[in-house]
Amino acid sequence: MARFGIRLNAVGPGEIPTEGMSKRLNPGEEPGARSRATNPMARAGKMSELQNLATFLMAPGQCDWLTGQSIFMDGAQALATGGNFYEMRKWSDAEWKQARELIEAQNAKDKSQR
């Protein structure tokens, strides 16, 4: 596709707290708490950082020769621990059940407010 001027790059964002994401991926936790505890940079990402990367990738003349890349913007989380949700492999069945219940309750609450 490159010979036709089509560049294909992928962005793999780490945890960037938003209201919907935090309530579903970290049910019952303070937004960004898990990232502060496990991320090598001791913080979650910011939406502005993701926006800046996307703008850079799409901006004419900025990186026209960059294609076929996967860019992980996660504060080195994937390199250090194997990914954003690596620690969840240790969860018990009860912890998964509790998370599922919290997520389903949040989904129902959001749906009722539409």
Protein backbone atom coordinates (compact mmCIF):
# COMPACT_ATOMS: atom_id res chain seq x y z
CA MET A 1 0.00 0.00 0.00
CA ALA A 2 2.93 2.32 0.58
CA ARG A 3 3.51 2.78 -3.15
CA PHE A 4 0.00 4.23 -3.33
CA GLY A 5 0.73 6.72 -0.56
CA ILE A 6 -1.11 4.69 2.06
CA ARG A 7 0.62 4.43 5.40
CA LEU A 8 -0.59 2.01 8.05
CA ASN A 9 0.50 2.46 11.64
CA ALA A 10 -1.11 1.31 14.86
CA VAL A 11 -1.21 2.90 18.29
CA GLY A 12 -1.41 0.68 21.37
CA PRO A 13 -2.45 2.99 24.19
CA GLY A 14 -1.99 2.11 27.81
CA GLU A 15 -4.48 3.08 30.47
CA ILE A 16 -5.90 6.51 29.73
CA PRO A 17 -8.67 7.11 32.27
CA THR A 18 -12.01 8.19 30.93
CA GLU A 19 -15.28 7.90 32.78
CA GLY A 20 -16.47 4.89 30.79
CA MET A 21 -13.12 3.09 30.69
CA SER A 22 -12.37 3.51 34.36
CA LYS A 23 -15.76 2.25 35.49
CA ARG A 24 -15.47 -0.86 33.32
CA LEU A 25 -11.80 -1.83 33.28
CA ASN A 26 -11.14 -0.84 36.88
CA PRO A 27 -14.54 -1.29 38.53
CA GLY A 28 -14.60 -0.03 42.08
CA GLU A 29 -11.14 1.54 41.84
CA GLU A 30 -10.05 5.16 41.74
CA PRO A 31 -9.29 6.09 38.09
CA GLY A 32 -5.60 5.59 37.35
CA ALA A 33 -4.84 3.87 40.68
CA ARG A 34 -3.67 0.64 39.06
CA SER A 35 -1.36 2.52 36.70
CA ARG A 36 0.17 4.48 39.56
CA ALA A 37 0.87 1.19 41.33
CA THR A 38 2.17 -0.89 38.40
CA ASN A 39 3.34 1.40 35.61
CA PRO A 40 7.08 2.14 35.35
CA MET A 41 6.22 5.85 35.04
CA ALA A 42 3.86 5.52 38.04
CA ARG A 43 0.93 7.15 36.26
CA ALA A 44 -1.79 6.67 33.72
CA GLY A 45 -1.64 8.30 30.32
CA LYS A 46 -3.40 11.51 29.36
CA MET A 47 -5.81 11.92 26.47
CA SER A 48 -3.73 14.86 25.24
CA GLU A 49 -0.72 12.55 24.87
CA LEU A 50 -2.73 10.14 22.71
CA GLN A 51 -4.06 13.06 20.67
CA ASN A 52 -0.54 14.40 20.13
CA LEU A 53 0.69 11.03 18.87
CA ALA A 54 -2.26 10.64 16.50
CA THR A 55 -1.73 14.18 15.20
CA PHE A 56 1.96 13.48 14.61
CA LEU A 57 1.19 10.27 12.73
CA MET A 58 -1.36 11.98 10.49
CA ALA A 59 0.35 15.34 9.96
CA PRO A 60 1.65 15.88 6.42
CA GLY A 61 5.41 16.25 6.30
CA GLN A 62 5.97 15.05 9.89
CA CYS A 63 6.58 11.36 9.42
CA ASP A 64 5.74 10.52 5.81
CA TRP A 65 8.23 7.65 5.72
CA LEU A 66 6.85 5.92 8.83
CA THR A 67 4.61 2.99 7.98
CA GLY A 68 3.94 -0.53 9.19
CA GLN A 69 4.66 0.30 12.82
CA SER A 70 2.93 -0.45 16.09
CA ILE A 71 3.60 2.23 18.66
CA PHE A 72 2.86 1.33 22.26
CA MET A 73 2.26 4.50 24.25
CA ASP A 74 1.92 3.05 27.72
CA GLY A 75 4.73 4.39 29.89
CA ALA A 76 6.73 1.18 29.24
CA GLN A 77 3.99 -0.97 30.80
CA ALA A 78 4.12 -3.64 28.08
CA LEU A 79 7.92 -3.84 28.24
CA ALA A 80 8.05 -4.02 32.03
CA THR A 81 5.11 -6.24 32.86
CA GLY A 82 3.77 -7.81 29.70
CA GLY A 83 0.86 -5.43 29.23
CA ASN A 84 -1.81 -3.34 30.88
CA PHE A 85 -3.78 -6.25 32.29
CA TYR A 86 -0.95 -8.69 33.03
CA GLU A 87 -1.60 -8.77 36.76
CA MET A 88 -5.21 -9.89 36.17
CA ARG A 89 -3.95 -13.36 35.30
CA LYS A 90 -3.68 -13.89 39.07
CA TRP A 91 -7.35 -13.07 39.72
CA SER A 92 -9.47 -15.75 41.34
CA ASP A 93 -12.85 -16.79 39.97
CA ALA A 94 -14.46 -14.72 42.72
CA GLU A 95 -12.53 -11.60 41.66
CA TRP A 96 -13.59 -12.08 38.02
CA LYS A 97 -17.19 -12.57 39.12
CA GLN A 98 -17.09 -9.40 41.22
CA ALA A 99 -15.59 -7.40 38.35
CA ARG A 100 -18.24 -8.72 35.96
CA GLU A 101 -21.02 -7.75 38.38
CA LEU A 102 -19.62 -4.23 38.84
CA ILE A 103 -19.29 -3.74 35.07
CA GLU A 104 -22.82 -5.03 34.40
CA ALA A 105 -24.20 -2.73 37.12
CA GLN A 106 -22.39 0.25 35.58
CA ASN A 107 -23.68 -0.65 32.12
CA ALA A 108 -27.25 -0.84 33.45
CA LYS A 109 -26.86 2.49 35.24
CA ASP A 110 -25.51 4.19 32.11
CA LYS A 111 -28.25 2.68 29.96
CA SER A 112 -30.98 3.89 32.33
CA GLN A 113 -29.67 7.46 32.04
CA ARG A 114 -29.96 7.57 28.24
